[in-house]
N, C-alpha and C. Protein backbone atom coordinates (compact mmCIF):
# COMPACT_ATOMS: atom_id res chain seq x y z
N UNK A 1 -125.21 -20.10 98.80
CA UNK A 1 -124.61 -21.13 99.87
C UNK A 1 -123.54 -20.42 101.16
N UNK A 2 -123.56 -20.86 102.03
CA UNK A 2 -122.95 -19.95 103.06
C UNK A 2 -121.52 -20.56 102.87
N UNK A 3 -121.17 -21.72 102.99
CA UNK A 3 -120.04 -22.35 103.18
C UNK A 3 -119.77 -23.18 101.93
N UNK A 4 -118.58 -23.92 101.66
CA UNK A 4 -117.84 -24.45 100.64
C UNK A 4 -118.09 -25.71 101.00
N UNK A 5 -118.89 -26.83 100.45
CA UNK A 5 -119.18 -28.28 101.01
C UNK A 5 -117.84 -28.91 101.02
N UNK A 6 -117.66 -29.93 101.57
CA UNK A 6 -116.23 -30.40 101.63
C UNK A 6 -116.75 -31.83 100.38
N UNK A 7 -118.14 -32.53 100.69
CA UNK A 7 -118.32 -33.55 99.91
C UNK A 7 -119.67 -33.38 99.13
N UNK A 8 -119.60 -33.29 97.77
CA UNK A 8 -120.77 -33.41 96.98
C UNK A 8 -121.02 -34.57 96.26
N UNK A 9 -122.33 -35.09 96.38
CA UNK A 9 -123.49 -35.99 96.08
C UNK A 9 -123.92 -35.96 94.50
N UNK A 10 -123.50 -36.91 93.75
CA UNK A 10 -123.75 -36.69 92.13
C UNK A 10 -124.66 -38.10 91.80
N UNK A 11 -125.74 -37.93 91.62
CA UNK A 11 -126.24 -38.94 91.32
C UNK A 11 -125.68 -39.63 90.01
N UNK A 12 -125.23 -41.01 89.88
CA UNK A 12 -124.54 -41.64 88.60
C UNK A 12 -125.60 -42.04 87.74
N UNK A 13 -125.39 -41.70 86.24
CA UNK A 13 -126.29 -42.03 85.40
C UNK A 13 -125.69 -42.63 84.03
N UNK A 14 -125.87 -43.39 83.34
CA UNK A 14 -125.35 -44.03 82.29
C UNK A 14 -124.20 -42.90 81.57
N UNK A 15 -125.17 -41.93 81.31
CA UNK A 15 -124.29 -40.74 80.43
C UNK A 15 -123.19 -40.33 81.00
N UNK A 16 -123.31 -40.25 82.81
CA UNK A 16 -122.09 -39.34 83.32
C UNK A 16 -121.41 -40.36 83.61
N UNK A 17 -121.61 -41.81 83.76
CA UNK A 17 -120.54 -42.87 83.20
C UNK A 17 -119.85 -42.73 82.23
N UNK A 18 -120.35 -42.71 81.10
CA UNK A 18 -119.87 -42.51 79.98
C UNK A 18 -118.83 -41.22 79.85
N UNK A 19 -119.35 -40.54 80.31
CA UNK A 19 -118.25 -38.74 80.22
C UNK A 19 -117.24 -39.01 80.93
N UNK A 20 -117.57 -39.47 82.24
CA UNK A 20 -116.33 -39.49 83.42
C UNK A 20 -115.22 -40.62 82.60
N UNK A 21 -115.90 -41.74 81.89
CA UNK A 21 -114.73 -42.60 81.29
C UNK A 21 -113.79 -42.06 80.28
N UNK A 22 -114.63 -40.96 79.67
CA UNK A 22 -113.81 -40.16 78.76
C UNK A 22 -112.81 -39.32 78.99
N UNK A 23 -113.13 -38.92 80.52
CA UNK A 23 -111.84 -37.72 81.14
C UNK A 23 -111.18 -38.68 82.02
N UNK A 24 -111.21 -39.94 82.25
CA UNK A 24 -110.47 -40.80 82.95
C UNK A 24 -109.52 -41.45 81.87
N UNK A 25 -109.55 -41.11 80.87
CA UNK A 25 -108.49 -42.06 79.77
C UNK A 25 -107.01 -42.09 80.02
N UNK A 26 -106.99 -40.58 80.60
CA UNK A 26 -105.50 -40.31 80.88
C UNK A 26 -104.84 -40.75 82.50
N UNK A 27 -106.12 -41.39 83.45
CA UNK A 27 -105.71 -41.78 84.13
C UNK A 27 -106.18 -41.06 85.36
N UNK A 28 -106.48 -40.40 85.05
CA UNK A 28 -107.24 -39.13 86.11
C UNK A 28 -108.68 -40.16 86.96
N UNK A 29 -108.33 -39.58 88.63
CA UNK A 29 -109.69 -40.70 88.95
C UNK A 29 -111.01 -39.93 88.91
N UNK A 30 -111.86 -40.28 89.31
CA UNK A 30 -113.37 -39.66 89.17
C UNK A 30 -113.75 -38.36 89.73
N UNK A 31 -112.85 -38.18 91.13
CA UNK A 31 -112.96 -36.71 91.74
C UNK A 31 -112.10 -35.72 90.81
N UNK A 32 -111.01 -36.05 90.24
CA UNK A 32 -110.10 -35.10 89.41
C UNK A 32 -111.03 -34.78 88.48
N UNK A 33 -111.65 -35.81 87.51
CA UNK A 33 -112.37 -35.42 86.80
C UNK A 33 -113.34 -34.35 86.66
N UNK A 34 -114.15 -34.84 87.57
CA UNK A 34 -115.29 -33.74 88.33
C UNK A 34 -114.89 -32.33 88.39
N UNK A 35 -113.89 -32.51 89.33
CA UNK A 35 -113.24 -31.05 89.29
C UNK A 35 -112.82 -30.37 88.11
N UNK A 36 -112.36 -30.81 87.53
CA UNK A 36 -112.03 -30.26 85.86
C UNK A 36 -112.78 -30.20 85.24
N UNK A 37 -114.12 -31.25 85.14
CA UNK A 37 -115.18 -30.84 84.34
C UNK A 37 -115.87 -29.53 85.08
N UNK A 38 -116.08 -28.94 85.88
CA UNK A 38 -116.72 -28.17 86.80
C UNK A 38 -115.89 -26.77 86.59
N UNK A 39 -114.70 -27.22 86.48
CA UNK A 39 -113.46 -25.59 86.22
C UNK A 39 -113.83 -25.33 84.90
N UNK A 40 -113.90 -25.98 84.22
CA UNK A 40 -113.86 -25.46 82.60
C UNK A 40 -115.37 -24.85 82.46
N UNK A 41 -116.41 -25.56 82.94
CA UNK A 41 -117.95 -25.32 82.68
C UNK A 41 -117.95 -23.77 83.45
N UNK A 42 -117.30 -23.81 84.68
CA UNK A 42 -117.24 -22.45 85.24
C UNK A 42 -116.56 -21.42 84.48
N UNK A 43 -115.37 -21.90 84.25
CA UNK A 43 -114.37 -20.73 83.39
C UNK A 43 -115.20 -20.16 82.37
N UNK A 44 -115.78 -21.08 81.34
CA UNK A 44 -116.72 -20.30 80.24
C UNK A 44 -117.70 -19.60 80.75
N UNK A 45 -118.37 -19.96 81.78
CA UNK A 45 -119.47 -19.13 82.48
C UNK A 45 -118.74 -17.77 82.70
N UNK A 46 -117.88 -17.59 83.16
CA UNK A 46 -116.73 -16.22 83.74
C UNK A 46 -116.87 -15.72 82.46
N UNK A 47 -115.98 -16.35 81.44
CA UNK A 47 -116.00 -15.41 80.43
C UNK A 47 -116.98 -14.96 79.49
N UNK A 48 -118.26 -15.77 79.40
CA UNK A 48 -119.56 -15.47 79.24
C UNK A 48 -119.96 -14.46 79.79
N UNK A 49 -119.92 -13.97 81.00
CA UNK A 49 -120.29 -13.07 82.04
C UNK A 49 -119.44 -11.65 81.47
N UNK A 50 -118.18 -11.93 81.38
CA UNK A 50 -117.43 -10.57 81.01
C UNK A 50 -117.71 -10.15 79.67
N UNK A 51 -117.88 -11.11 78.99
CA UNK A 51 -118.31 -10.57 77.48
C UNK A 51 -120.07 -10.16 77.29
N UNK A 52 -120.66 -10.57 78.32
CA UNK A 52 -121.93 -9.49 78.35
C UNK A 52 -121.86 -8.31 78.69
N UNK A 53 -121.23 -8.42 80.08
CA UNK A 53 -120.96 -7.07 80.73
C UNK A 53 -120.38 -5.88 79.75
N UNK A 54 -119.50 -6.25 79.18
CA UNK A 54 -118.98 -5.29 77.81
C UNK A 54 -119.88 -5.58 76.57
N UNK A 55 -121.18 -5.92 76.56
CA UNK A 55 -121.88 -5.87 75.19
C UNK A 55 -123.16 -5.45 75.84
N UNK A 56 -123.62 -4.71 76.68
CA UNK A 56 -125.05 -4.71 77.01
C UNK A 56 -125.62 -5.93 77.58
N UNK A 57 -124.90 -6.67 78.24
CA UNK A 57 -125.60 -7.70 78.59
C UNK A 57 -125.97 -9.05 77.80
N UNK A 58 -125.50 -8.70 76.42
CA UNK A 58 -126.00 -9.86 75.41
C UNK A 58 -124.45 -10.65 75.62
N UNK A 59 -124.57 -12.06 75.77
CA UNK A 59 -124.07 -13.24 76.01
C UNK A 59 -123.26 -13.81 74.61
N UNK A 60 -122.37 -14.34 74.42
CA UNK A 60 -121.80 -14.41 73.12
C UNK A 60 -122.25 -16.13 72.91
N UNK A 61 -122.56 -16.26 71.58
CA UNK A 61 -123.31 -17.41 71.05
C UNK A 61 -122.54 -18.70 71.01
N UNK A 62 -121.52 -18.54 71.08
CA UNK A 62 -120.61 -19.63 71.01
C UNK A 62 -119.13 -19.01 71.55
N UNK A 63 -118.76 -20.16 72.54
CA UNK A 63 -117.05 -20.02 73.34
C UNK A 63 -116.47 -20.82 72.50
N UNK A 64 -115.12 -20.85 72.49
CA UNK A 64 -113.77 -21.32 72.08
C UNK A 64 -113.18 -21.71 73.05
N UNK A 65 -112.50 -23.19 73.50
CA UNK A 65 -111.74 -23.62 74.47
C UNK A 65 -110.26 -23.73 74.09
N UNK A 66 -109.57 -22.94 74.77
CA UNK A 66 -107.85 -23.41 74.20
C UNK A 66 -107.21 -24.77 74.48
N UNK A 67 -107.61 -25.72 73.97
CA UNK A 67 -107.69 -27.22 74.45
C UNK A 67 -105.84 -27.39 75.06
N UNK A 68 -104.87 -26.36 74.46
CA UNK A 68 -103.71 -26.68 74.60
C UNK A 68 -103.22 -26.02 76.39
N UNK A 69 -104.58 -25.66 76.93
CA UNK A 69 -104.52 -25.27 78.23
C UNK A 69 -104.84 -26.10 79.12
N UNK A 70 -105.84 -26.97 78.72
CA UNK A 70 -106.61 -27.71 79.44
C UNK A 70 -105.78 -28.74 80.18
N UNK A 71 -104.46 -29.58 79.64
CA UNK A 71 -103.63 -30.54 80.01
C UNK A 71 -102.55 -29.98 80.64
N UNK A 72 -102.48 -28.72 80.64
CA UNK A 72 -100.89 -28.21 81.25
C UNK A 72 -100.72 -28.96 82.57
N UNK A 73 -99.09 -29.55 82.77
CA UNK A 73 -99.06 -30.12 84.07
C UNK A 73 -99.42 -28.99 85.26
N UNK A 74 -100.21 -29.74 85.87
CA UNK A 74 -100.83 -29.29 87.59
C UNK A 74 -100.05 -29.52 88.90
N UNK A 75 -99.95 -28.75 89.45
CA UNK A 75 -99.22 -29.00 90.76
C UNK A 75 -100.39 -30.13 91.38
N UNK A 76 -99.79 -31.30 92.40
CA UNK A 76 -100.72 -32.13 93.11
C UNK A 76 -101.85 -31.91 93.64
N UNK A 77 -102.87 -32.55 93.69
CA UNK A 77 -104.04 -32.29 94.49
C UNK A 77 -103.76 -32.39 96.11
N UNK A 78 -103.50 -30.86 97.00
CA UNK A 78 -102.80 -31.36 98.34
C UNK A 78 -104.56 -31.05 98.73
N UNK A 79 -105.72 -31.33 98.69
CA UNK A 79 -106.94 -31.20 99.59
C UNK A 79 -107.28 -29.77 99.71
N UNK A 80 -108.13 -29.70 101.23
CA UNK A 80 -108.74 -28.85 101.44
C UNK A 80 -107.99 -27.11 101.70
N UNK A 81 -106.68 -27.05 101.46
CA UNK A 81 -106.03 -25.93 101.67
C UNK A 81 -105.85 -25.16 100.56
N UNK A 82 -106.18 -26.12 99.35
CA UNK A 82 -105.84 -25.28 98.00
C UNK A 82 -107.21 -24.87 97.31
N UNK A 83 -108.12 -25.04 98.54
CA UNK A 83 -109.57 -24.46 97.99
C UNK A 83 -109.99 -24.93 96.74
N UNK A 84 -109.81 -26.39 96.83
CA UNK A 84 -110.48 -27.12 95.45
C UNK A 84 -111.70 -27.76 96.16
């Protein structure tokens, strides 16, 4: 991809709606919930890549997520200038 898209369209399924409902329980809007979920998965992928690079290409079978860091206070979203 040559540039970052400003809008991404995702087909809503019953499973996605149920997952979004879980993420939105604390007041997060749908866009913030999707950004949050993508950030988590991408962080896991980056960590797995680092582990594989130092382990002969072998990826970890299990990753853990430190949940305390997941919901730390964040600066308010100010739009594209934050690169999110």
